[in-house]
Amino acid sequence: MEEDRRRFISILTTLMAGFGIAASAVPFLSILKPNPGKLRELASLVVDLAPLVAGESMVVAWQNKPIWIIRRTQMMLDTLTRIHPLLRDPNSLVQQQPDYVRNEYRSLNPEYFIVVGICTHLGCSPQYKPEPGELNATWPGGFFCPCHGSTFDLAGRVMKGVPAPVNLEIPPYRFINAHTISLGEDPSLF
């Protein structure tokens, strides 16, 4: 009888300790649960493009990445069609963009270019060099990565003969209206 009583007390103590540990772990584990508001914030970002004039650029942060937004001039757009022989992947065959922007401009609206500002070679941040001839006599304008010399045109397409293997990445985005985008949203879902 005494032995049964000890076994019962031992089991009861073990169960109570287990419940106590579980109850005290709940607050700690709830810290690890992502905040739904923060997840929505990371998933999409609304950006007003109206302040940009033709030829200007802006940088926003989305999912801890720099996103470059450039309002291209007509001269910039005209250059894109003339430089195909200089490009490694002029038709964007390597999947670095959503299908809905697989076009000459790599954009939903040719006037606005939206791209992840991270070099596809080693993850450096290229510089925006839009002026033709700014780097050398044949420079058509685009992006230059000073770390290893990779160059990209004004549609983020990689030039031949540089270390970067593929075009710059285009993030998912959609236009809410003529001058407002939502980064992180696929337009086919709306």
N, C-alpha and C. Protein backbone atom coordinates (compact mmCIF):
# COMPACT_ATOMS: atom_id res chain seq x y z
N MET A 1 0.81 -1.18 0.00
CA MET A 1 0.00 0.00 0.00
C MET A 1 0.86 1.26 0.00
N GLU A 2 1.87 1.25 0.86
CA GLU A 2 2.78 2.40 0.91
C GLU A 2 3.49 2.59 -0.43
N GLU A 3 3.84 1.47 -1.06
CA GLU A 3 4.52 1.54 -2.35
C GLU A 3 3.58 2.09 -3.43
N ASP A 4 2.31 1.70 -3.42
CA ASP A 4 1.33 2.22 -4.38
C ASP A 4 1.14 3.72 -4.20
N ARG A 5 1.10 4.13 -2.94
CA ARG A 5 0.93 5.56 -2.64
C ARG A 5 2.11 6.37 -3.17
N ARG A 6 3.33 5.88 -3.00
CA ARG A 6 4.53 6.56 -3.49
C ARG A 6 4.52 6.64 -5.02
N ARG A 7 4.14 5.53 -5.65
CA ARG A 7 4.06 5.51 -7.11
C ARG A 7 3.04 6.54 -7.60
N PHE A 8 1.86 6.59 -6.93
CA PHE A 8 0.83 7.55 -7.30
C PHE A 8 1.33 8.99 -7.14
N ILE A 9 1.99 9.29 -6.04
CA ILE A 9 2.53 10.64 -5.80
C ILE A 9 3.61 10.96 -6.82
N SER A 10 4.43 10.00 -7.15
CA SER A 10 5.49 10.20 -8.15
C SER A 10 4.90 10.50 -9.53
N ILE A 11 3.87 9.73 -9.92
CA ILE A 11 3.22 9.97 -11.21
C ILE A 11 2.53 11.33 -11.21
N LEU A 12 1.83 11.64 -10.13
CA LEU A 12 1.14 12.93 -10.03
C LEU A 12 2.13 14.09 -10.09
N THR A 13 3.25 13.96 -9.41
CA THR A 13 4.28 15.00 -9.42
C THR A 13 4.86 15.16 -10.83
N THR A 14 5.11 14.07 -11.51
CA THR A 14 5.64 14.11 -12.88
C THR A 14 4.64 14.79 -13.81
N LEU A 15 3.36 14.42 -13.70
CA LEU A 15 2.34 15.04 -14.55
C LEU A 15 2.23 16.54 -14.28
N MET A 16 2.22 16.92 -13.01
CA MET A 16 2.12 18.34 -12.66
C MET A 16 3.34 19.11 -13.17
N ALA A 17 4.52 18.52 -13.07
CA ALA A 17 5.73 19.17 -13.59
C ALA A 17 5.64 19.33 -15.10
N GLY A 18 5.13 18.29 -15.79
CA GLY A 18 4.96 18.37 -17.24
C GLY A 18 3.99 19.47 -17.64
N PHE A 19 2.86 19.56 -16.93
CA PHE A 19 1.90 20.64 -17.21
C PHE A 19 2.52 22.00 -16.92
N GLY A 20 3.28 22.08 -15.86
CA GLY A 20 3.93 23.36 -15.51
C GLY A 20 4.93 23.80 -16.58
N ILE A 21 5.72 22.86 -17.06
CA ILE A 21 6.70 23.17 -18.11
C ILE A 21 5.97 23.60 -19.38
N ALA A 22 4.91 22.86 -19.75
CA ALA A 22 4.16 23.20 -20.96
C ALA A 22 3.52 24.58 -20.82
N ALA A 23 2.93 24.86 -19.67
CA ALA A 23 2.28 26.16 -19.46
C ALA A 23 3.28 27.30 -19.48
N SER A 24 4.48 27.07 -18.95
CA SER A 24 5.47 28.14 -18.96
C SER A 24 6.12 28.30 -20.33
N ALA A 25 6.06 27.27 -21.18
CA ALA A 25 6.67 27.35 -22.52
C ALA A 25 5.78 28.13 -23.50
N VAL A 26 4.47 28.17 -23.25
CA VAL A 26 3.55 28.83 -24.18
C VAL A 26 3.94 30.28 -24.45
N PRO A 27 4.21 31.11 -23.45
CA PRO A 27 4.60 32.50 -23.75
C PRO A 27 5.88 32.60 -24.57
N PHE A 28 6.83 31.73 -24.30
CA PHE A 28 8.09 31.76 -25.05
C PHE A 28 7.88 31.34 -26.50
N LEU A 29 7.07 30.33 -26.72
CA LEU A 29 6.79 29.87 -28.07
C LEU A 29 5.95 30.87 -28.85
N SER A 30 5.10 31.63 -28.17
CA SER A 30 4.28 32.63 -28.88
C SER A 30 5.15 33.75 -29.44
N ILE A 31 6.31 33.97 -28.88
CA ILE A 31 7.24 34.97 -29.41
C ILE A 31 7.73 34.54 -30.79
N LEU A 32 7.88 33.24 -30.99
CA LEU A 32 8.38 32.73 -32.26
C LEU A 32 7.32 32.77 -33.37
N LYS A 33 6.05 32.87 -32.99
CA LYS A 33 4.97 32.91 -33.98
C LYS A 33 5.00 34.26 -34.69
N PRO A 34 5.01 34.26 -36.03
CA PRO A 34 5.07 35.54 -36.75
C PRO A 34 3.80 36.36 -36.55
N ASN A 35 3.99 37.65 -36.48
CA ASN A 35 2.89 38.59 -36.34
C ASN A 35 2.20 38.73 -37.70
N PRO A 36 0.89 38.46 -37.79
CA PRO A 36 0.20 38.54 -39.09
C PRO A 36 0.33 39.92 -39.75
N GLY A 37 0.31 40.97 -38.97
CA GLY A 37 0.46 42.32 -39.53
C GLY A 37 1.84 42.51 -40.14
N LYS A 38 2.85 42.00 -39.48
CA LYS A 38 4.21 42.11 -40.00
C LYS A 38 4.37 41.27 -41.26
N LEU A 39 3.73 40.10 -41.31
CA LEU A 39 3.81 39.27 -42.51
C LEU A 39 3.19 39.98 -43.71
N ARG A 40 2.04 40.65 -43.50
CA ARG A 40 1.41 41.39 -44.59
C ARG A 40 2.30 42.54 -45.03
N GLU A 41 2.95 43.18 -44.06
CA GLU A 41 3.85 44.29 -44.38
C GLU A 41 5.03 43.82 -45.22
N LEU A 42 5.57 42.65 -44.89
CA LEU A 42 6.69 42.11 -45.66
C LEU A 42 6.25 41.59 -47.01
N ALA A 43 5.02 41.11 -47.08
CA ALA A 43 4.54 40.51 -48.32
C ALA A 43 4.32 41.55 -49.41
N SER A 44 3.79 42.72 -49.06
CA SER A 44 3.55 43.73 -50.09
C SER A 44 3.88 45.12 -49.55
N LEU A 45 4.18 46.00 -50.48
CA LEU A 45 4.52 47.38 -50.14
C LEU A 45 3.95 48.28 -51.23
N VAL A 46 3.15 49.26 -50.83
CA VAL A 46 2.57 50.21 -51.78
C VAL A 46 3.54 51.37 -51.95
N VAL A 47 3.84 51.71 -53.22
CA VAL A 47 4.79 52.79 -53.52
C VAL A 47 4.15 53.78 -54.48
N ASP A 48 4.21 55.07 -54.12
CA ASP A 48 3.70 56.15 -54.97
C ASP A 48 4.81 56.58 -55.93
N LEU A 49 4.55 56.44 -57.22
CA LEU A 49 5.54 56.77 -58.24
C LEU A 49 5.38 58.19 -58.78
N ALA A 50 4.32 58.87 -58.39
CA ALA A 50 4.01 60.19 -58.93
C ALA A 50 5.15 61.21 -58.77
N PRO A 51 5.90 61.21 -57.66
CA PRO A 51 6.97 62.20 -57.53
C PRO A 51 8.13 62.04 -58.53
N LEU A 52 8.26 60.86 -59.13
CA LEU A 52 9.38 60.63 -60.06
C LEU A 52 9.12 61.33 -61.39
N VAL A 53 10.10 62.10 -61.84
CA VAL A 53 10.04 62.67 -63.18
C VAL A 53 10.89 61.80 -64.09
N ALA A 54 10.67 61.90 -65.37
CA ALA A 54 11.40 61.06 -66.33
C ALA A 54 12.91 61.18 -66.12
N GLY A 55 13.57 60.02 -66.04
CA GLY A 55 15.01 59.98 -65.84
C GLY A 55 15.43 59.83 -64.39
N GLU A 56 14.51 60.03 -63.46
CA GLU A 56 14.84 59.93 -62.03
C GLU A 56 14.63 58.52 -61.52
N SER A 57 15.28 58.25 -60.38
CA SER A 57 15.13 56.95 -59.74
C SER A 57 14.87 57.11 -58.26
N MET A 58 14.36 56.05 -57.66
CA MET A 58 14.17 56.01 -56.21
C MET A 58 14.49 54.60 -55.74
N VAL A 59 14.81 54.47 -54.47
CA VAL A 59 15.09 53.16 -53.89
C VAL A 59 14.16 52.98 -52.70
N VAL A 60 13.51 51.81 -52.65
CA VAL A 60 12.69 51.45 -51.50
C VAL A 60 13.18 50.10 -50.99
N ALA A 61 12.89 49.81 -49.74
CA ALA A 61 13.26 48.51 -49.16
C ALA A 61 12.02 47.62 -49.13
N TRP A 62 12.18 46.40 -49.63
CA TRP A 62 11.10 45.42 -49.61
C TRP A 62 11.73 44.07 -49.33
N GLN A 63 11.24 43.40 -48.30
CA GLN A 63 11.77 42.11 -47.86
C GLN A 63 13.29 42.16 -47.68
N ASN A 64 13.75 43.23 -47.07
CA ASN A 64 15.17 43.45 -46.78
C ASN A 64 16.03 43.51 -48.05
N LYS A 65 15.44 43.91 -49.15
CA LYS A 65 16.17 44.06 -50.41
C LYS A 65 15.96 45.48 -50.93
N PRO A 66 17.00 46.06 -51.56
CA PRO A 66 16.80 47.36 -52.20
C PRO A 66 16.05 47.16 -53.52
N ILE A 67 14.99 47.90 -53.69
CA ILE A 67 14.22 47.85 -54.94
C ILE A 67 14.41 49.20 -55.62
N TRP A 68 14.95 49.16 -56.82
CA TRP A 68 15.15 50.38 -57.59
C TRP A 68 13.94 50.59 -58.48
N ILE A 69 13.48 51.81 -58.51
CA ILE A 69 12.38 52.18 -59.39
C ILE A 69 12.87 53.35 -60.24
N ILE A 70 12.83 53.16 -61.54
CA ILE A 70 13.33 54.18 -62.47
C ILE A 70 12.22 54.56 -63.42
N ARG A 71 12.03 55.85 -63.58
CA ARG A 71 11.08 56.33 -64.58
C ARG A 71 11.90 56.64 -65.83
N ARG A 72 11.79 55.78 -66.81
CA ARG A 72 12.63 55.88 -68.00
C ARG A 72 12.10 56.94 -68.97
N THR A 73 13.06 57.58 -69.62
CA THR A 73 12.73 58.57 -70.66
C THR A 73 12.50 57.82 -71.98
N GLN A 74 11.97 58.51 -72.96
CA GLN A 74 11.78 57.89 -74.27
C GLN A 74 13.13 57.51 -74.88
N MET A 75 14.15 58.34 -74.65
CA MET A 75 15.49 58.02 -75.17
C MET A 75 16.01 56.71 -74.54
N MET A 76 15.78 56.52 -73.25
CA MET A 76 16.19 55.28 -72.58
C MET A 76 15.47 54.08 -73.20
N LEU A 77 14.19 54.22 -73.44
CA LEU A 77 13.40 53.14 -74.03
C LEU A 77 13.87 52.81 -75.44
N ASP A 78 14.20 53.84 -76.21
CA ASP A 78 14.69 53.63 -77.58
C ASP A 78 16.01 52.87 -77.59
N THR A 79 16.85 53.09 -76.60
CA THR A 79 18.15 52.43 -76.51
C THR A 79 17.99 50.92 -76.31
N LEU A 80 16.97 50.52 -75.58
CA LEU A 80 16.78 49.10 -75.25
C LEU A 80 16.67 48.21 -76.48
N THR A 81 16.07 48.70 -77.53
CA THR A 81 15.88 47.87 -78.72
C THR A 81 17.13 47.81 -79.60
N ARG A 82 18.04 48.74 -79.42
CA ARG A 82 19.23 48.81 -80.29
C ARG A 82 20.43 48.03 -79.78
N ILE A 83 20.41 47.57 -78.54
CA ILE A 83 21.63 47.00 -77.96
C ILE A 83 21.60 45.48 -77.80
N HIS A 84 20.68 44.80 -78.43
CA HIS A 84 20.60 43.34 -78.30
C HIS A 84 21.92 42.62 -78.54
N PRO A 85 22.74 43.01 -79.52
CA PRO A 85 24.01 42.30 -79.73
C PRO A 85 24.98 42.39 -78.53
N LEU A 86 24.80 43.39 -77.67
CA LEU A 86 25.68 43.56 -76.50
C LEU A 86 25.25 42.72 -75.30
N LEU A 87 24.07 42.11 -75.37
CA LEU A 87 23.47 41.45 -74.21
C LEU A 87 23.65 39.93 -74.23
N ARG A 88 23.82 39.36 -73.03
CA ARG A 88 23.95 37.91 -72.88
C ARG A 88 22.59 37.22 -73.03
N ASP A 89 21.53 37.81 -72.47
CA ASP A 89 20.18 37.22 -72.50
C ASP A 89 19.17 38.31 -72.87
N PRO A 90 19.19 38.79 -74.11
CA PRO A 90 18.33 39.92 -74.50
C PRO A 90 16.84 39.61 -74.40
N ASN A 91 16.44 38.35 -74.52
CA ASN A 91 15.03 37.99 -74.47
C ASN A 91 14.58 37.48 -73.11
N SER A 92 15.45 37.63 -72.12
CA SER A 92 15.14 37.22 -70.73
C SER A 92 14.65 35.78 -70.66
N LEU A 93 15.40 34.88 -71.26
CA LEU A 93 15.02 33.48 -71.25
C LEU A 93 15.27 32.83 -69.89
N VAL A 94 16.31 33.28 -69.17
CA VAL A 94 16.56 32.77 -67.82
C VAL A 94 15.50 33.39 -66.90
N GLN A 95 14.87 32.57 -66.08
CA GLN A 95 13.75 33.01 -65.24
C GLN A 95 14.22 33.92 -64.11
N GLN A 96 14.35 35.20 -64.37
CA GLN A 96 14.72 36.20 -63.36
C GLN A 96 13.62 37.23 -63.22
N GLN A 97 12.44 36.94 -63.75
CA GLN A 97 11.33 37.86 -63.72
C GLN A 97 10.03 37.07 -63.81
N PRO A 98 8.94 37.64 -63.30
CA PRO A 98 7.64 36.98 -63.50
C PRO A 98 7.31 36.94 -65.00
N ASP A 99 6.54 35.97 -65.40
CA ASP A 99 6.19 35.83 -66.82
C ASP A 99 5.51 37.07 -67.39
N TYR A 100 4.74 37.78 -66.56
CA TYR A 100 4.00 38.94 -67.07
C TYR A 100 4.90 40.14 -67.39
N VAL A 101 6.18 40.09 -67.08
CA VAL A 101 7.10 41.16 -67.48
C VAL A 101 8.21 40.62 -68.38
N ARG A 102 7.99 39.47 -68.98
CA ARG A 102 8.98 38.93 -69.92
C ARG A 102 8.70 39.60 -71.27
N ASN A 103 9.27 40.78 -71.45
CA ASN A 103 9.10 41.55 -72.68
C ASN A 103 10.35 42.40 -72.89
N GLU A 104 10.37 43.17 -73.93
CA GLU A 104 11.52 44.03 -74.27
C GLU A 104 11.93 44.93 -73.12
N TYR A 105 10.96 45.42 -72.36
CA TYR A 105 11.23 46.41 -71.31
C TYR A 105 11.37 45.79 -69.92
N ARG A 106 11.01 44.50 -69.81
CA ARG A 106 10.99 43.79 -68.52
C ARG A 106 10.16 44.58 -67.51
N SER A 107 8.99 45.00 -67.95
CA SER A 107 8.16 45.88 -67.14
C SER A 107 6.69 45.78 -67.56
N LEU A 108 5.79 46.01 -66.61
CA LEU A 108 4.36 46.09 -66.94
C LEU A 108 4.05 47.36 -67.72
N ASN A 109 4.73 48.44 -67.35
CA ASN A 109 4.58 49.73 -68.03
C ASN A 109 6.00 50.14 -68.43
N PRO A 110 6.29 50.26 -69.73
CA PRO A 110 7.67 50.55 -70.16
C PRO A 110 8.28 51.78 -69.49
N GLU A 111 7.45 52.73 -69.11
CA GLU A 111 7.96 53.96 -68.50
C GLU A 111 8.61 53.70 -67.14
N TYR A 112 8.09 52.73 -66.39
CA TYR A 112 8.60 52.45 -65.04
C TYR A 112 9.34 51.11 -65.03
N PHE A 113 10.57 51.15 -64.53
CA PHE A 113 11.37 49.93 -64.40
C PHE A 113 11.56 49.66 -62.92
N ILE A 114 11.16 48.46 -62.48
CA ILE A 114 11.24 48.06 -61.08
C ILE A 114 12.12 46.82 -61.03
N VAL A 115 13.20 46.87 -60.22
CA VAL A 115 14.18 45.79 -60.20
C VAL A 115 14.81 45.67 -58.81
N VAL A 116 15.20 44.44 -58.47
CA VAL A 116 15.95 44.22 -57.22
C VAL A 116 17.37 44.72 -57.45
N GLY A 117 17.85 45.62 -56.61
CA GLY A 117 19.16 46.25 -56.78
C GLY A 117 20.31 45.44 -56.22
N ILE A 118 20.37 44.16 -56.58
CA ILE A 118 21.44 43.28 -56.12
C ILE A 118 22.05 42.58 -57.33
N CYS A 119 23.36 42.71 -57.49
CA CYS A 119 24.06 42.10 -58.62
C CYS A 119 23.93 40.58 -58.56
N THR A 120 23.71 39.98 -59.71
CA THR A 120 23.52 38.53 -59.77
C THR A 120 24.85 37.77 -59.76
N HIS A 121 25.97 38.48 -59.67
CA HIS A 121 27.27 37.82 -59.59
C HIS A 121 27.55 37.39 -58.16
N LEU A 122 27.79 38.36 -57.28
CA LEU A 122 28.11 38.04 -55.89
C LEU A 122 27.29 38.83 -54.88
N GLY A 123 26.19 39.42 -55.32
CA GLY A 123 25.29 40.09 -54.39
C GLY A 123 25.68 41.51 -54.01
N CYS A 124 26.55 42.14 -54.76
CA CYS A 124 26.92 43.54 -54.50
C CYS A 124 25.76 44.44 -54.95
N SER A 125 25.89 45.73 -54.72
CA SER A 125 24.86 46.66 -55.15
C SER A 125 25.40 47.53 -56.28
N PRO A 126 24.93 47.29 -57.51
CA PRO A 126 25.39 48.09 -58.65
C PRO A 126 24.98 49.56 -58.52
N GLN A 127 25.59 50.38 -59.32
CA GLN A 127 25.28 51.81 -59.35
C GLN A 127 24.48 52.13 -60.59
N TYR A 128 23.56 53.05 -60.47
CA TYR A 128 22.73 53.50 -61.58
C TYR A 128 23.54 54.52 -62.38
N LYS A 129 23.87 54.19 -63.62
CA LYS A 129 24.65 55.05 -64.51
C LYS A 129 23.85 55.22 -65.82
N PRO A 130 22.86 56.10 -65.82
CA PRO A 130 21.94 56.18 -66.96
C PRO A 130 22.46 56.89 -68.20
N GLU A 131 23.49 57.70 -68.07
CA GLU A 131 23.94 58.51 -69.20
C GLU A 131 24.79 57.71 -70.18
N PRO A 132 24.42 57.72 -71.47
CA PRO A 132 25.26 57.05 -72.47
C PRO A 132 26.66 57.67 -72.46
N GLY A 133 27.68 56.81 -72.57
CA GLY A 133 29.07 57.27 -72.56
C GLY A 133 29.62 57.58 -71.19
N GLU A 134 28.84 57.41 -70.13
CA GLU A 134 29.28 57.73 -68.77
C GLU A 134 30.43 56.85 -68.30
N LEU A 135 30.45 55.58 -68.68
CA LEU A 135 31.53 54.67 -68.28
C LEU A 135 32.62 54.56 -69.34
N ASN A 136 32.18 54.50 -70.60
CA ASN A 136 33.12 54.44 -71.72
C ASN A 136 32.37 54.88 -72.97
N ALA A 137 33.05 54.93 -74.08
CA ALA A 137 32.45 55.46 -75.31
C ALA A 137 31.27 54.63 -75.81
N THR A 138 31.24 53.33 -75.50
CA THR A 138 30.15 52.49 -75.99
C THR A 138 29.05 52.25 -74.95
N TRP A 139 29.19 52.85 -73.79
CA TRP A 139 28.23 52.63 -72.71
C TRP A 139 26.85 53.17 -73.11
N PRO A 140 25.80 52.28 -73.13
CA PRO A 140 24.47 52.73 -73.53
C PRO A 140 23.65 53.31 -72.38
N GLY A 141 24.17 53.22 -71.16
CA GLY A 141 23.42 53.61 -69.97
C GLY A 141 22.87 52.36 -69.31
N GLY A 142 22.83 52.38 -67.98
CA GLY A 142 22.32 51.22 -67.27
C GLY A 142 22.86 51.15 -65.85
N PHE A 143 23.31 49.96 -65.46
CA PHE A 143 23.79 49.71 -64.11
C PHE A 143 25.19 49.12 -64.17
N PHE A 144 26.05 49.59 -63.27
CA PHE A 144 27.44 49.16 -63.23
C PHE A 144 27.76 48.69 -61.82
N CYS A 145 28.30 47.48 -61.69
CA CYS A 145 28.70 46.95 -60.39
C CYS A 145 30.21 47.17 -60.26
N PRO A 146 30.63 48.11 -59.43
CA PRO A 146 32.06 48.42 -59.32
C PRO A 146 32.89 47.32 -58.67
N CYS A 147 32.26 46.40 -57.96
CA CYS A 147 33.02 45.34 -57.28
C CYS A 147 33.78 44.45 -58.26
N HIS A 148 33.10 43.99 -59.32
CA HIS A 148 33.72 43.06 -60.25
C HIS A 148 33.49 43.43 -61.70
N GLY A 149 32.88 44.60 -61.93
CA GLY A 149 32.74 45.10 -63.30
C GLY A 149 31.55 44.62 -64.09
N SER A 150 30.56 44.02 -63.45
CA SER A 150 29.37 43.59 -64.19
C SER A 150 28.57 44.81 -64.63
N THR A 151 27.98 44.70 -65.82
CA THR A 151 27.17 45.79 -66.36
C THR A 151 25.83 45.24 -66.84
N PHE A 152 24.81 46.07 -66.71
CA PHE A 152 23.45 45.73 -67.08
C PHE A 152 22.85 46.93 -67.81
N ASP A 153 21.95 46.67 -68.76
CA ASP A 153 21.32 47.78 -69.47
C ASP A 153 20.19 48.37 -68.63
N LEU A 154 19.43 49.29 -69.21
CA LEU A 154 18.36 49.98 -68.49
C LEU A 154 17.11 49.13 -68.33
N ALA A 155 17.18 47.86 -68.70
CA ALA A 155 16.12 46.89 -68.42
C ALA A 155 16.68 45.79 -67.51
N GLY A 156 17.88 46.01 -66.96
CA GLY A 156 18.50 45.05 -66.05
C GLY A 156 19.01 43.80 -66.74
N ARG A 157 19.20 43.85 -68.06
CA ARG A 157 19.71 42.69 -68.79
C ARG A 157 21.24 42.73 -68.77
N VAL A 158 21.85 41.60 -68.48
CA VAL A 158 23.30 41.53 -68.32
C VAL A 158 24.01 41.64 -69.67
N MET A 159 25.12 42.37 -69.66
CA MET A 159 25.92 42.54 -70.87
C MET A 159 26.82 41.31 -71.06
N LYS A 160 27.26 41.08 -72.28
CA LYS A 160 28.20 39.99 -72.57
C LYS A 160 29.56 40.32 -71.98
N GLY A 161 30.31 39.28 -71.60
CA GLY A 161 31.69 39.45 -71.18
C GLY A 161 31.90 39.96 -69.77
N VAL A 162 30.90 39.86 -68.91
CA VAL A 162 31.04 40.31 -67.53
C VAL A 162 30.81 39.12 -66.60
N PRO A 163 31.23 39.23 -65.34
CA PRO A 163 31.09 38.08 -64.44
C PRO A 163 29.64 37.71 -64.08
N ALA A 164 28.73 38.67 -64.06
CA ALA A 164 27.35 38.35 -63.68
C ALA A 164 26.76 37.35 -64.67
N PRO A 165 26.18 36.26 -64.18
CA PRO A 165 25.70 35.22 -65.09
C PRO A 165 24.33 35.48 -65.71
N VAL A 166 23.46 36.20 -64.99
CA VAL A 166 22.08 36.38 -65.46
C VAL A 166 21.61 37.82 -65.24
N ASN A 167 20.47 38.14 -65.83
CA ASN A 167 19.86 39.46 -65.68
C ASN A 167 19.51 39.74 -64.23
N LEU A 168 19.32 41.03 -63.91
CA LEU A 168 18.87 41.41 -62.58
C LEU A 168 17.46 40.88 -62.34
N GLU A 169 17.13 40.61 -61.10
CA GLU A 169 15.84 40.04 -60.74
C GLU A 169 14.74 41.12 -60.73
N ILE A 170 13.59 40.77 -61.28
CA ILE A 170 12.42 41.65 -61.24
C ILE A 170 11.49 41.10 -60.17
N PRO A 171 11.11 41.91 -59.18
CA PRO A 171 10.20 41.42 -58.14
C PRO A 171 8.76 41.37 -58.65
N PRO A 172 7.91 40.60 -58.01
CA PRO A 172 6.50 40.63 -58.39
C PRO A 172 5.91 41.99 -58.00
N TYR A 173 5.08 42.55 -58.86
CA TYR A 173 4.41 43.81 -58.54
C TYR A 173 3.22 43.98 -59.45
N ARG A 174 2.34 44.88 -59.06
CA ARG A 174 1.20 45.23 -59.89
C ARG A 174 0.94 46.73 -59.75
N PHE A 175 0.31 47.28 -60.76
CA PHE A 175 -0.10 48.69 -60.70
C PHE A 175 -1.48 48.77 -60.06
N ILE A 176 -1.60 49.61 -59.05
CA ILE A 176 -2.89 49.88 -58.43
C ILE A 176 -3.63 50.93 -59.26
N ASN A 177 -2.86 51.93 -59.71
CA ASN A 177 -3.35 52.93 -60.66
C ASN A 177 -2.15 53.36 -61.50
N ALA A 178 -2.29 54.39 -62.30
CA ALA A 178 -1.24 54.77 -63.25
C ALA A 178 0.10 55.09 -62.60
N HIS A 179 0.10 55.56 -61.35
CA HIS A 179 1.35 55.97 -60.71
C HIS A 179 1.53 55.38 -59.31
N THR A 180 0.92 54.23 -59.04
CA THR A 180 1.07 53.57 -57.75
C THR A 180 1.22 52.07 -57.98
N ILE A 181 2.24 51.49 -57.34
CA ILE A 181 2.44 50.04 -57.45
C ILE A 181 2.33 49.38 -56.09
N SER A 182 2.10 48.09 -56.12
CA SER A 182 2.14 47.27 -54.92
C SER A 182 3.19 46.19 -55.17
N LEU A 183 4.32 46.32 -54.50
CA LEU A 183 5.39 45.31 -54.61
C LEU A 183 4.96 44.05 -53.88
N GLY A 184 5.28 42.90 -54.48
CA GLY A 184 4.98 41.63 -53.84
C GLY A 184 3.64 41.04 -54.24
N GLU A 185 2.94 41.69 -55.15
CA GLU A 185 1.63 41.18 -55.59
C GLU A 185 1.64 40.87 -57.07
N ASP A 186 1.11 39.73 -57.41
CA ASP A 186 1.00 39.29 -58.80
C ASP A 186 -0.26 39.87 -59.40
N PRO A 187 -0.17 40.63 -60.52
CA PRO A 187 -1.37 41.26 -61.08
C PRO A 187 -2.40 40.26 -61.60
N SER A 188 -2.00 39.04 -61.90
CA SER A 188 -2.96 38.07 -62.40
C SER A 188 -3.91 37.58 -61.31
N LEU A 189 -3.59 37.87 -60.06
CA LEU A 189 -4.44 37.46 -58.94
C LEU A 189 -5.51 38.50 -58.61
N PHE A 190 -5.49 39.63 -59.32
CA PHE A 190 -6.44 40.71 -59.02
C PHE A 190 -7.35 40.97 -60.18
